[in-house]
């Protein structure tokens, strides 16, 4: 039986944080190791340029960092094809064809795009490439005929737009060339990790993140600074767990659910201080992050080998994407010279 194809990836705008880990990376590793899927994992450098075109050094410097984070969490290049978006020319030709099937108003209605435009403060100065990146993302997904796209919850509108493009293309050109993808999201909304400051989302740009590459001392300092209940001034005061970032993290990271339930009860009735629960959370996070940190340091000792992995992965991805492009051109009828 043929394995189902997965396509997923990240923008190289800095090192990856535990929000990425919970939102998508853990699922990628689980799916990879199941033996049922063929994963393609893309470092989306071209997409990152849509809002960083005047600072390309940021992208170049982050490329190797993202690759190291992938290897550190357990993505295995012997199973998963890790590649660089800009090295796959077929993706950009596919994007051009799909752009003719999508209206500007549809792109502007995309909830994820609307949110990110607001966050980045573009107002009326939206780069065309940024507005168009749902179409580019559809090209990335369909180039590999991915049936499954592991992603965070906030990417659901993007995947739905890719599905629309697939249906439109296959209908307009009377073919079944493109595969309609499905999203694979964390269960029970656990993929959205709030920032250390209580902000709804952990983000590199908001400087409220714990990075997979952070050392133990840095993680501890960040945990001790986390937002809790601002009204919980004294240890004996009853505290709120709703909106309390420490308990949100414990719900996600601590496998001992009975212990978390007891801590919540003690905190709510009073007598449990913020420092104590933060120290406990730090131990929980260290249990998860220490092995990742150790693997990352090991891979970082040979960056040449990491770059070679990216070169080989990009070659493999190129071959697959070029075949899809050939089929797309045939469906549209652009194979003039082949027919001659």
C-alpha atoms as a PDB file:
ATOM      1  CA  UNK A   1       0.000   0.000   0.000  1.00  0.00           C
ATOM      2  CA  UNK A   2       1.334   3.433  -0.935  1.00  0.00           C
ATOM      3  CA  UNK A   3       2.099   5.722   1.971  1.00  0.00           C
ATOM      4  CA  UNK A   4       0.109   8.930   2.309  1.00  0.00           C
ATOM      5  CA  UNK A   5       2.149  12.036   1.637  1.00  0.00           C
ATOM      6  CA  UNK A   6       2.568  14.781   4.233  1.00  0.00           C
ATOM      7  CA  UNK A   7       3.647  18.358   3.532  1.00  0.00           C
ATOM      8  CA  UNK A   8       4.409  20.776   6.324  1.00  0.00           C
ATOM      9  CA  UNK A   9       7.030  23.332   7.263  1.00  0.00           C
ATOM     10  CA  UNK A  10       8.078  26.553   8.967  1.00  0.00           C
ATOM     11  CA  UNK A  11       9.276  30.037   8.076  1.00  0.00           C
ATOM     12  CA  UNK A  12      12.973  30.567   8.940  1.00  0.00           C
ATOM     13  CA  UNK A  13      12.614  33.857  10.786  1.00  0.00           C
ATOM     14  CA  UNK A  14      14.412  32.664  13.903  1.00  0.00           C
ATOM     15  CA  UNK A  15      14.821  29.581  16.043  1.00  0.00           C
ATOM     16  CA  UNK A  16      11.709  27.496  16.726  1.00  0.00           C
ATOM     17  CA  UNK A  17       9.982  27.648  20.110  1.00  0.00           C
ATOM     18  CA  UNK A  18       7.863  25.316  22.195  1.00  0.00           C
ATOM     19  CA  UNK A  19       4.728  26.735  20.597  1.00  0.00           C
ATOM     20  CA  UNK A  20       5.908  25.263  17.294  1.00  0.00           C
ATOM     21  CA  UNK A  21       6.755  22.052  19.125  1.00  0.00           C
ATOM     22  CA  UNK A  22       3.270  21.630  20.593  1.00  0.00           C
ATOM     23  CA  UNK A  23       1.463  23.030  17.568  1.00  0.00           C
ATOM     24  CA  UNK A  24       3.044  20.888  14.879  1.00  0.00           C
ATOM     25  CA  UNK A  25       6.497  19.381  15.476  1.00  0.00           C
ATOM     26  CA  UNK A  26       5.374  16.647  17.886  1.00  0.00           C
ATOM     27  CA  UNK A  27       2.683  15.562  15.459  1.00  0.00           C
ATOM     28  CA  UNK A  28       5.181  15.461  12.593  1.00  0.00           C
ATOM     29  CA  UNK A  29       7.485  13.156  14.515  1.00  0.00           C
ATOM     30  CA  UNK A  30       4.599  10.916  15.565  1.00  0.00           C
ATOM     31  CA  UNK A  31       3.296  10.628  11.997  1.00  0.00           C
ATOM     32  CA  UNK A  32       6.808  10.078  10.636  1.00  0.00           C
ATOM     33  CA  UNK A  33       7.462   7.252  13.081  1.00  0.00           C
ATOM     34  CA  UNK A  34       4.114   5.556  12.442  1.00  0.00           C
ATOM     35  CA  UNK A  35       5.437   4.137   9.165  1.00  0.00           C
ATOM     36  CA  UNK A  36       2.210   5.076   7.374  1.00  0.00           C
ATOM     37  CA  UNK A  37       3.322   8.357   5.815  1.00  0.00           C
ATOM     38  CA  UNK A  38       5.925   9.882   3.533  1.00  0.00           C
ATOM     39  CA  UNK A  39       6.679  13.329   4.979  1.00  0.00           C
ATOM     40  CA  UNK A  40       8.039  16.321   3.062  1.00  0.00           C
ATOM     41  CA  UNK A  41       9.113  19.077   5.454  1.00  0.00           C
ATOM     42  CA  UNK A  42       9.815  22.485   3.974  1.00  0.00           C
ATOM     43  CA  UNK A  43      11.851  25.377   5.282  1.00  0.00           C
ATOM     44  CA  UNK A  44       9.732  28.174   3.798  1.00  0.00           C
ATOM     45  CA  UNK A  45      12.384  30.802   3.159  1.00  0.00           C
ATOM     46  CA  UNK A  46      10.601  32.401   0.191  1.00  0.00           C
ATOM     47  CA  UNK A  47       7.417  32.772   2.198  1.00  0.00           C
ATOM     48  CA  UNK A  48       9.436  34.351   4.989  1.00  0.00           C
ATOM     49  CA  UNK A  49      10.673  36.962   2.522  1.00  0.00           C
ATOM     50  CA  UNK A  50       7.111  38.199   1.954  1.00  0.00           C
ATOM     51  CA  UNK A  51       7.461  40.360   5.073  1.00  0.00           C
ATOM     52  CA  UNK A  52      11.255  40.296   5.442  1.00  0.00           C
ATOM     53  CA  UNK A  53      12.385  41.191   1.916  1.00  0.00           C
ATOM     54  CA  UNK A  54      14.468  44.098   3.205  1.00  0.00           C
ATOM     55  CA  UNK A  55      16.189  41.929   5.789  1.00  0.00           C
ATOM     56  CA  UNK A  56      17.295  38.763   3.949  1.00  0.00           C
ATOM     57  CA  UNK A  57      20.128  38.180   6.424  1.00  0.00           C
ATOM     58  CA  UNK A  58      17.493  37.228   8.982  1.00  0.00           C
ATOM     59  CA  UNK A  59      16.312  34.432   6.697  1.00  0.00           C
ATOM     60  CA  UNK A  60      19.803  33.242   5.758  1.00  0.00           C
ATOM     61  CA  UNK A  61      20.931  33.130   9.387  1.00  0.00           C
ATOM     62  CA  UNK A  62      17.807  31.267  10.483  1.00  0.00           C
ATOM     63  CA  UNK A  63      17.927  28.507   7.857  1.00  0.00           C
ATOM     64  CA  UNK A  64      20.429  26.319   9.690  1.00  0.00           C
ATOM     65  CA  UNK A  65      18.746  27.046  13.046  1.00  0.00           C
ATOM     66  CA  UNK A  66      15.412  25.689  11.861  1.00  0.00           C
ATOM     67  CA  UNK A  67      17.116  22.634  10.351  1.00  0.00           C
ATOM     68  CA  UNK A  68      18.836  21.960  13.690  1.00  0.00           C
ATOM     69  CA  UNK A  69      15.524  22.298  15.529  1.00  0.00           C
ATOM     70  CA  UNK A  70      13.957  19.767  13.160  1.00  0.00           C
ATOM     71  CA  UNK A  71      16.700  17.230  13.787  1.00  0.00           C
ATOM     72  CA  UNK A  72      16.650  17.904  17.515  1.00  0.00           C
ATOM     73  CA  UNK A  73      12.951  17.085  17.980  1.00  0.00           C
ATOM     74  CA  UNK A  74      13.363  13.800  16.122  1.00  0.00           C
ATOM     75  CA  UNK A  75      12.643  14.474  12.454  1.00  0.00           C
ATOM     76  CA  UNK A  76      14.691  11.821  10.671  1.00  0.00           C
ATOM     77  CA  UNK A  77      16.064  12.756   7.206  1.00  0.00           C
ATOM     78  CA  UNK A  78      16.236   9.043   6.360  1.00  0.00           C
ATOM     79  CA  UNK A  79      12.423   9.008   6.493  1.00  0.00           C
ATOM     80  CA  UNK A  80      11.344  12.648   6.073  1.00  0.00           C
ATOM     81  CA  UNK A  81      12.522  14.782   3.152  1.00  0.00           C
ATOM     82  CA  UNK A  82      13.666  18.131   4.545  1.00  0.00           C
ATOM     83  CA  UNK A  83      14.054  20.752   1.803  1.00  0.00           C
ATOM     84  CA  UNK A  84      14.340  24.484   1.160  1.00  0.00           C
ATOM     85  CA  UNK A  85      11.430  26.211  -0.591  1.00  0.00           C
ATOM     86  CA  UNK A  86      13.497  28.619  -2.716  1.00  0.00           C
ATOM     87  CA  UNK A  87      15.385  25.708  -4.249  1.00  0.00           C
ATOM     88  CA  UNK A  88      12.234  24.249  -5.856  1.00  0.00           C
ATOM     89  CA  UNK A  89      11.456  26.386  -8.970  1.00  0.00           C
ATOM     90  CA  UNK A  90       8.285  24.414  -9.782  1.00  0.00           C
ATOM     91  CA  UNK A  91       6.587  25.880  -6.720  1.00  0.00           C
ATOM     92  CA  UNK A  92       6.678  29.383  -8.153  1.00  0.00           C
ATOM     93  CA  UNK A  93       5.317  28.369 -11.545  1.00  0.00           C
ATOM     94  CA  UNK A  94       2.467  26.512  -9.845  1.00  0.00           C
ATOM     95  CA  UNK A  95       1.745  29.600  -7.754  1.00  0.00           C
ATOM     96  CA  UNK A  96       1.441  31.674 -10.926  1.00  0.00           C
ATOM     97  CA  UNK A  97      -1.151  29.287 -12.410  1.00  0.00           C
ATOM     98  CA  UNK A  98      -3.188  29.125  -9.187  1.00  0.00           C
ATOM     99  CA  UNK A  99      -3.237  32.926  -8.827  1.00  0.00           C
ATOM    100  CA  UNK A 100      -5.487  33.069 -11.892  1.00  0.00           C
ATOM    101  CA  UNK A 101      -8.079  30.965 -10.065  1.00  0.00           C
ATOM    102  CA  UNK A 102      -8.351  33.072  -6.876  1.00  0.00           C
ATOM    103  CA  UNK A 103      -9.821  36.557  -6.394  1.00  0.00           C
ATOM    104  CA  UNK A 104      -8.232  39.338  -4.354  1.00  0.00           C
ATOM    105  CA  UNK A 105     -11.377  39.584  -2.232  1.00  0.00           C
ATOM    106  CA  UNK A 106     -11.107  35.892  -1.333  1.00  0.00           C
ATOM    107  CA  UNK A 107      -7.516  36.369  -0.183  1.00  0.00           C
ATOM    108  CA  UNK A 108      -8.514  39.395   1.883  1.00  0.00           C
ATOM    109  CA  UNK A 109     -11.230  37.360   3.623  1.00  0.00           C
ATOM    110  CA  UNK A 110      -8.800  34.649   4.758  1.00  0.00           C
ATOM    111  CA  UNK A 111      -8.956  34.870   8.590  1.00  0.00           C
ATOM    112  CA  UNK A 112      -5.303  33.921   9.095  1.00  0.00           C
ATOM    113  CA  UNK A 113      -4.134  36.534   6.598  1.00  0.00           C
ATOM    114  CA  UNK A 114      -6.387  39.190   8.146  1.00  0.00           C
ATOM    115  CA  UNK A 115      -5.022  38.453  11.616  1.00  0.00           C
ATOM    116  CA  UNK A 116      -1.398  38.531  10.528  1.00  0.00           C
ATOM    117  CA  UNK A 117      -1.864  41.746   8.527  1.00  0.00           C
ATOM    118  CA  UNK A 118      -3.213  43.372  11.686  1.00  0.00           C
ATOM    119  CA  UNK A 119      -0.419  41.938  13.855  1.00  0.00           C
ATOM    120  CA  UNK A 120       2.274  43.191  11.490  1.00  0.00           C
ATOM    121  CA  UNK A 121       0.683  46.624  11.146  1.00  0.00           C
ATOM    122  CA  UNK A 122       0.666  46.635   7.343  1.00  0.00           C
ATOM    123  CA  UNK A 123      -2.543  48.687   7.048  1.00  0.00           C
ATOM    124  CA  UNK A 124      -2.700  49.721   3.360  1.00  0.00           C
ATOM    125  CA  UNK A 125       0.947  48.789   2.696  1.00  0.00           C
ATOM    126  CA  UNK A 126       0.463  45.047   2.301  1.00  0.00           C
ATOM    127  CA  UNK A 127       3.157  43.426   0.147  1.00  0.00           C
ATOM    128  CA  UNK A 128       1.553  41.552  -2.757  1.00  0.00           C
ATOM    129  CA  UNK A 129       3.569  38.470  -1.872  1.00  0.00           C
ATOM    130  CA  UNK A 130       2.202  38.481   1.670  1.00  0.00           C
ATOM    131  CA  UNK A 131      -1.411  38.775   0.554  1.00  0.00           C
ATOM    132  CA  UNK A 132      -0.780  35.999  -1.944  1.00  0.00           C
ATOM    133  CA  UNK A 133       0.887  33.549   0.378  1.00  0.00           C
ATOM    134  CA  UNK A 134      -2.208  31.317   0.785  1.00  0.00           C
ATOM    135  CA  UNK A 135      -1.878  30.654  -2.957  1.00  0.00           C
ATOM    136  CA  UNK A 136       1.834  29.996  -2.581  1.00  0.00           C
ATOM    137  CA  UNK A 137       1.075  27.637   0.280  1.00  0.00           C
ATOM    138  CA  UNK A 138      -1.418  25.789  -1.902  1.00  0.00           C
ATOM    139  CA  UNK A 139       1.345  25.348  -4.480  1.00  0.00           C
ATOM    140  CA  UNK A 140       3.641  23.927  -1.805  1.00  0.00           C
ATOM    141  CA  UNK A 141       1.023  21.431  -0.666  1.00  0.00           C
ATOM    142  CA  UNK A 142      -0.182  20.315  -4.081  1.00  0.00           C
ATOM    143  CA  UNK A 143       3.282  20.065  -5.641  1.00  0.00           C
ATOM    144  CA  UNK A 144       3.853  16.986  -3.495  1.00  0.00           C
ATOM    145  CA  UNK A 145       0.227  15.791  -3.698  1.00  0.00           C
ATOM    146  CA  UNK A 146       0.050  15.893   0.063  1.00  0.00           C
ATOM    147  CA  UNK A 147      -3.014  14.252   1.560  1.00  0.00           C
ATOM    148  CA  UNK A 148      -2.229  15.497   5.061  1.00  0.00           C
ATOM    149  CA  UNK A 149      -0.881  18.805   6.397  1.00  0.00           C
ATOM    150  CA  UNK A 150       0.128  18.781  10.097  1.00  0.00           C
ATOM    151  CA  UNK A 151      -0.218  22.348  11.354  1.00  0.00           C
ATOM    152  CA  UNK A 152      -1.310  24.558  14.189  1.00  0.00           C
ATOM    153  CA  UNK A 153      -4.977  25.455  14.597  1.00  0.00           C
ATOM    154  CA  UNK A 154      -4.417  28.918  13.121  1.00  0.00           C
ATOM    155  CA  UNK A 155      -3.517  27.374   9.756  1.00  0.00           C
ATOM    156  CA  UNK A 156      -6.930  25.780   9.177  1.00  0.00           C
ATOM    157  CA  UNK A 157      -8.163  28.666   6.952  1.00  0.00           C
ATOM    158  CA  UNK A 158      -5.004  28.341   4.834  1.00  0.00           C
ATOM    159  CA  UNK A 159      -5.565  24.636   4.258  1.00  0.00           C
ATOM    160  CA  UNK A 160      -9.221  25.248   3.412  1.00  0.00           C
ATOM    161  CA  UNK A 161      -8.138  27.767   0.783  1.00  0.00           C
ATOM    162  CA  UNK A 162      -5.765  25.169  -0.680  1.00  0.00           C
ATOM    163  CA  UNK A 163      -8.679  22.740  -0.864  1.00  0.00           C
ATOM    164  CA  UNK A 164     -10.722  25.342  -2.760  1.00  0.00           C
ATOM    165  CA  UNK A 165      -7.896  25.845  -5.254  1.00  0.00           C
ATOM    166  CA  UNK A 166      -7.602  22.095  -5.831  1.00  0.00           C
ATOM    167  CA  UNK A 167     -11.325  21.746  -6.485  1.00  0.00           C
ATOM    168  CA  UNK A 168     -11.344  24.753  -8.805  1.00  0.00           C
ATOM    169  CA  UNK A 169      -8.320  23.584 -10.783  1.00  0.00           C
ATOM    170  CA  UNK A 170      -9.601  20.040 -11.243  1.00  0.00           C
ATOM    171  CA  UNK A 171     -13.036  21.335 -12.275  1.00  0.00           C
ATOM    172  CA  UNK A 172     -11.830  24.054 -14.663  1.00  0.00           C
ATOM    173  CA  UNK A 173      -9.360  21.787 -16.425  1.00  0.00           C
ATOM    174  CA  UNK A 174     -11.523  18.657 -16.184  1.00  0.00           C
ATOM    175  CA  UNK A 175      -8.859  16.527 -14.516  1.00  0.00           C
ATOM    176  CA  UNK A 176      -7.927  14.887 -11.236  1.00  0.00           C
ATOM    177  CA  UNK A 177      -4.294  15.979 -11.169  1.00  0.00           C
ATOM    178  CA  UNK A 178      -4.322  17.748  -7.808  1.00  0.00           C
ATOM    179  CA  UNK A 179      -4.988  16.048  -4.474  1.00  0.00           C
ATOM    180  CA  UNK A 180      -7.280  17.735  -1.960  1.00  0.00           C
ATOM    181  CA  UNK A 181      -5.429  17.957   1.382  1.00  0.00           C
ATOM    182  CA  UNK A 182      -6.708  17.612   4.909  1.00  0.00           C
ATOM    183  CA  UNK A 183      -5.324  19.372   7.953  1.00  0.00           C
ATOM    184  CA  UNK A 184      -3.973  17.425  10.904  1.00  0.00           C
ATOM    185  CA  UNK A 185      -4.389  19.510  14.051  1.00  0.00           C
ATOM    186  CA  UNK A 186      -3.549  18.990  17.737  1.00  0.00           C
ATOM    187  CA  UNK A 187      -6.372  17.493  19.746  1.00  0.00           C
ATOM    188  CA  UNK A 188      -8.690  19.594  21.909  1.00  0.00           C
ATOM    189  CA  UNK A 189      -7.177  22.883  20.808  1.00  0.00           C
ATOM    190  CA  UNK A 190      -3.930  22.063  22.645  1.00  0.00           C
ATOM    191  CA  UNK A 191      -1.891  23.359  19.736  1.00  0.00           C
ATOM    192  CA  UNK A 192      -2.257  27.016  20.702  1.00  0.00           C
ATOM    193  CA  UNK A 193       0.314  27.813  23.366  1.00  0.00           C
ATOM    194  CA  UNK A 194      -0.004  31.259  24.956  1.00  0.00           C
ATOM    195  CA  UNK A 195       3.023  33.480  25.398  1.00  0.00           C
ATOM    196  CA  UNK A 196       4.892  33.820  28.669  1.00  0.00           C
ATOM    197  CA  UNK A 197       3.219  37.200  29.132  1.00  0.00           C
ATOM    198  CA  UNK A 198      -0.282  35.762  28.847  1.00  0.00           C
ATOM    199  CA  UNK A 199      -0.681  36.908  25.250  1.00  0.00           C
ATOM    200  CA  UNK A 200      -2.974  34.623  23.275  1.00  0.00           C
ATOM    201  CA  UNK A 201      -0.102  33.321  21.152  1.00  0.00           C
ATOM    202  CA  UNK A 202       3.557  32.556  21.719  1.00  0.00           C
ATOM    203  CA  UNK A 203       5.481  34.466  19.081  1.00  0.00           C
ATOM    204  CA  UNK A 204       9.044  35.281  18.091  1.00  0.00           C
ATOM    205  CA  UNK A 205       8.043  38.831  17.221  1.00  0.00           C
ATOM    206  CA  UNK A 206       6.384  39.401  20.618  1.00  0.00           C
ATOM    207  CA  UNK A 207       9.469  38.139  22.479  1.00  0.00           C
ATOM    208  CA  UNK A 208       7.339  35.942  24.729  1.00  0.00           C
ATOM    209  CA  UNK A 209       8.666  32.510  23.801  1.00  0.00           C
ATOM    210  CA  UNK A 210      10.730  29.644  25.181  1.00  0.00           C
ATOM    211  CA  UNK A 211      12.965  28.359  22.387  1.00  0.00           C
ATOM    212  CA  UNK A 212      13.913  24.748  21.826  1.00  0.00           C
ATOM    213  CA  UNK A 213      17.542  25.878  21.879  1.00  0.00           C
ATOM    214  CA  UNK A 214      17.307  27.766  25.201  1.00  0.00           C
ATOM    215  CA  UNK A 215      19.653  26.442  27.888  1.00  0.00           C
ATOM    216  CA  UNK A 216      18.306  25.253  31.243  1.00  0.00           C
ATOM    217  CA  UNK A 217      19.110  28.521  33.027  1.00  0.00           C
ATOM    218  CA  UNK A 218      17.320  30.590  30.391  1.00  0.00           C
ATOM    219  CA  UNK A 219      14.253  28.365  30.534  1.00  0.00           C
ATOM    220  CA  UNK A 220      14.133  28.691  34.312  1.00  0.00           C
ATOM    221  CA  UNK A 221      14.347  32.504  34.147  1.00  0.00           C
ATOM    222  CA  UNK A 222      11.563  32.623  31.582  1.00  0.00           C
ATOM    223  CA  UNK A 223       9.329  30.301  33.586  1.00  0.00           C
ATOM    224  CA  UNK A 224       9.819  32.362  36.737  1.00  0.00           C
ATOM    225  CA  UNK A 225       8.710  35.465  34.810  1.00  0.00           C
ATOM    226  CA  UNK A 226       5.497  33.903  33.525  1.00  0.00           C
ATOM    227  CA  UNK A 227       2.092  35.537  33.836  1.00  0.00           C
ATOM    228  CA  UNK A 228      -0.186  34.003  36.485  1.00  0.00           C
ATOM    229  CA  UNK A 229      -3.112  35.529  38.411  1.00  0.00           C
ATOM    230  CA  UNK A 230      -2.370  39.230  39.044  1.00  0.00           C
ATOM    231  CA  UNK A 231      -4.755  39.194  42.040  1.00  0.00           C
ATOM    232  CA  UNK A 232      -2.906  36.309  43.710  1.00  0.00           C
ATOM    233  CA  UNK A 233      -0.699  38.603  45.789  1.00  0.00           C
ATOM    234  CA  UNK A 234      -0.187  36.448  48.899  1.00  0.00           C
ATOM    235  CA  UNK A 235       0.343  32.701  49.144  1.00  0.00           C
ATOM    236  CA  UNK A 236      -2.790  32.291  51.254  1.00  0.00           C
ATOM    237  CA  UNK A 237      -4.972  34.114  48.694  1.00  0.00           C
ATOM    238  CA  UNK A 238      -7.274  31.976  46.522  1.00  0.00           C
ATOM    239  CA  UNK A 239      -5.989  32.057  42.945  1.00  0.00           C
ATOM    240  CA  UNK A 240      -7.563  31.783  39.513  1.00  0.00           C
ATOM    241  CA  UNK A 241      -6.449  29.123  37.061  1.00  0.00           C
ATOM    242  CA  UNK A 242      -8.422  30.500  34.098  1.00  0.00           C
ATOM    243  CA  UNK A 243      -6.019  32.507  31.969  1.00  0.00           C
ATOM    244  CA  UNK A 244      -3.144  31.501  34.253  1.00  0.00           C
ATOM    245  CA  UNK A 245      -0.309  30.674  31.865  1.00  0.00           C
ATOM    246  CA  UNK A 246       1.477  28.333  34.271  1.00  0.00           C
ATOM    247  CA  UNK A 247      -1.527  26.031  34.543  1.00  0.00           C
ATOM    248  CA  UNK A 248      -2.123  26.190  30.786  1.00  0.00           C
ATOM    249  CA  UNK A 249       1.419  24.897  30.270  1.00  0.00           C
ATOM    250  CA  UNK A 250       0.997  22.204  32.924  1.00  0.00           C
ATOM    251  CA  UNK A 251      -2.178  20.985  31.217  1.00  0.00           C
ATOM    252  CA  UNK A 252      -0.233  20.573  27.985  1.00  0.00           C
ATOM    253  CA  UNK A 253       3.187  19.360  29.135  1.00  0.00           C
ATOM    254  CA  UNK A 254       2.654  17.418  32.366  1.00  0.00           C
ATOM    255  CA  UNK A 255       1.628  13.777  31.797  1.00  0.00           C
ATOM    256  CA  UNK A 256       0.623  13.480  35.481  1.00  0.00           C
ATOM    257  CA  UNK A 257      -2.917  14.837  35.150  1.00  0.00           C
ATOM    258  CA  UNK A 258      -3.852  13.872  38.716  1.00  0.00           C
ATOM    259  CA  UNK A 259      -0.966  15.947  40.036  1.00  0.00           C
ATOM    260  CA  UNK A 260      -2.061  18.942  37.931  1.00  0.00           C
ATOM    261  CA  UNK A 261      -5.645  18.592  39.159  1.00  0.00           C
ATOM    262  CA  UNK A 262      -4.444  18.614  42.771  1.00  0.00           C
ATOM    263  CA  UNK A 263      -2.260  21.689  42.180  1.00  0.00           C
ATOM    264  CA  UNK A 264      -5.226  23.498  40.658  1.00  0.00           C
ATOM    265  CA  UNK A 265      -7.415  22.675  43.648  1.00  0.00           C
ATOM    266  CA  UNK A 266      -4.747  23.826  46.116  1.00  0.00           C
ATOM    267  CA  UNK A 267      -4.164  27.056  44.193  1.00  0.00           C
ATOM    268  CA  UNK A 268      -7.858  27.881  44.005  1.00  0.00           C
ATOM    269  CA  UNK A 269      -8.482  27.421  47.704  1.00  0.00           C
ATOM    270  CA  UNK A 270      -5.330  29.341  48.713  1.00  0.00           C
ATOM    271  CA  UNK A 271      -2.047  28.249  50.251  1.00  0.00           C
ATOM    272  CA  UNK A 272      -0.069  27.527  47.071  1.00  0.00           C
ATOM    273  CA  UNK A 273       2.283  30.234  45.879  1.00  0.00           C
ATOM    274  CA  UNK A 274       3.202  31.178  42.327  1.00  0.00           C
ATOM    275  CA  UNK A 275       6.900  30.500  42.914  1.00  0.00           C
ATOM    276  CA  UNK A 276       6.204  26.904  43.903  1.00  0.00           C
ATOM    277  CA  UNK A 277       4.069  26.081  40.882  1.00  0.00           C
ATOM    278  CA  UNK A 278       6.563  27.795  38.571  1.00  0.00           C
ATOM    279  CA  UNK A 279       9.390  25.683  39.984  1.00  0.00           C
ATOM    280  CA  UNK A 280       7.290  22.577  39.403  1.00  0.00           C
ATOM    281  CA  UNK A 281       6.524  23.654  35.818  1.00  0.00           C
ATOM    282  CA  UNK A 282      10.233  24.218  35.212  1.00  0.00           C
ATOM    283  CA  UNK A 283      10.954  20.586  36.188  1.00  0.00           C
ATOM    284  CA  UNK A 284       8.215  19.385  33.839  1.00  0.00           C
ATOM    285  CA  UNK A 285       9.578  21.439  30.927  1.00  0.00           C
ATOM    286  CA  UNK A 286      13.151  20.343  31.576  1.00  0.00           C
ATOM    287  CA  UNK A 287      12.098  16.698  31.342  1.00  0.00           C
ATOM    288  CA  UNK A 288      10.749  17.436  27.857  1.00  0.00           C
ATOM    289  CA  UNK A 289      13.373  19.888  26.610  1.00  0.00           C
ATOM    290  CA  UNK A 290      16.661  18.489  27.949  1.00  0.00           C
ATOM    291  CA  UNK A 291      16.847  15.581  25.449  1.00  0.00           C
ATOM    292  CA  UNK A 292      15.967  17.948  22.593  1.00  0.00           C
ATOM    293  CA  UNK A 293      18.659  20.387  23.691  1.00  0.00           C
ATOM    294  CA  UNK A 294      21.265  17.602  23.859  1.00  0.00           C
ATOM    295  CA  UNK A 295      20.451  16.296  20.369  1.00  0.00           C
ATOM    296  CA  UNK A 296      20.570  19.821  18.962  1.00  0.00           C
ATOM    297  CA  UNK A 297      24.033  20.438  20.383  1.00  0.00           C
ATOM    298  CA  UNK A 298      25.256  17.197  18.841  1.00  0.00           C
ATOM    299  CA  UNK A 299      23.964  18.050  15.343  1.00  0.00           C
ATOM    300  CA  UNK A 300      25.314  21.610  15.629  1.00  0.00           C
ATOM    301  CA  UNK A 301      28.848  20.219  15.830  1.00  0.00           C
ATOM    302  CA  UNK A 302      28.718  19.358  12.116  1.00  0.00           C
ATOM    303  CA  UNK A 303      26.830  22.078  10.243  1.00  0.00           C
ATOM    304  CA  UNK A 304      28.317  20.935   6.917  1.00  0.00           C
ATOM    305  CA  UNK A 305      26.456  17.644   7.302  1.00  0.00           C
ATOM    306  CA  UNK A 306      23.231  19.539   8.000  1.00  0.00           C
ATOM    307  CA  UNK A 307      23.646  21.622   4.836  1.00  0.00           C
ATOM    308  CA  UNK A 308      24.381  18.472   2.843  1.00  0.00           C
ATOM    309  CA  UNK A 309      21.141  16.988   4.165  1.00  0.00           C
ATOM    310  CA  UNK A 310      19.268  20.073   2.931  1.00  0.00           C
ATOM    311  CA  UNK A 311      20.909  19.833  -0.495  1.00  0.00           C
ATOM    312  CA  UNK A 312      19.961  16.176  -0.900  1.00  0.00           C
ATOM    313  CA  UNK A 313      16.441  16.771   0.386  1.00  0.00           C
ATOM    314  CA  UNK A 314      15.955  19.652  -2.033  1.00  0.00           C
ATOM    315  CA  UNK A 315      17.095  17.484  -4.949  1.00  0.00           C
ATOM    316  CA  UNK A 316      14.540  14.834  -4.045  1.00  0.00           C
ATOM    317  CA  UNK A 317      11.791  17.421  -3.571  1.00  0.00           C
ATOM    318  CA  UNK A 318      12.655  18.979  -6.935  1.00  0.00           C
ATOM    319  CA  UNK A 319      12.081  15.709  -8.760  1.00  0.00           C
ATOM    320  CA  UNK A 320       8.644  15.244  -7.186  1.00  0.00           C
ATOM    321  CA  UNK A 321       7.515  18.839  -7.731  1.00  0.00           C
ATOM    322  CA  UNK A 322       8.703  18.838 -11.357  1.00  0.00           C
ATOM    323  CA  UNK A 323       6.555  15.809 -12.118  1.00  0.00           C
ATOM    324  CA  UNK A 324       3.469  17.502 -10.648  1.00  0.00           C
ATOM    325  CA  UNK A 325       4.263  20.632 -12.653  1.00  0.00           C
ATOM    326  CA  UNK A 326       4.450  18.571 -15.840  1.00  0.00           C
ATOM    327  CA  UNK A 327       0.996  17.145 -15.128  1.00  0.00           C
ATOM    328  CA  UNK A 328      -0.408  20.608 -14.353  1.00  0.00           C
ATOM    329  CA  UNK A 329       0.977  22.049 -17.590  1.00  0.00           C
ATOM    330  CA  UNK A 330      -0.508  19.124 -19.509  1.00  0.00           C
ATOM    331  CA  UNK A 331      -3.918  19.671 -17.876  1.00  0.00           C
ATOM    332  CA  UNK A 332      -3.922  23.369 -18.770  1.00  0.00           C
ATOM    333  CA  UNK A 333      -2.677  22.618 -22.273  1.00  0.00           C
ATOM    334  CA  UNK A 334       0.714  24.285 -22.153  1.00  0.00           C
ATOM    335  CA  UNK A 335       2.536  21.291 -23.585  1.00  0.00           C
ATOM    336  CA  UNK A 336       2.707  22.784 -27.087  1.00  0.00           C
ATOM    337  CA  UNK A 337       6.128  21.484 -27.974  1.00  0.00           C
ATOM    338  CA  UNK A 338       5.638  18.044 -26.462  1.00  0.00           C
ATOM    339  CA  UNK A 339       2.752  17.462 -28.882  1.00  0.00           C
ATOM    340  CA  UNK A 340       4.940  18.428 -31.813  1.00  0.00           C
END
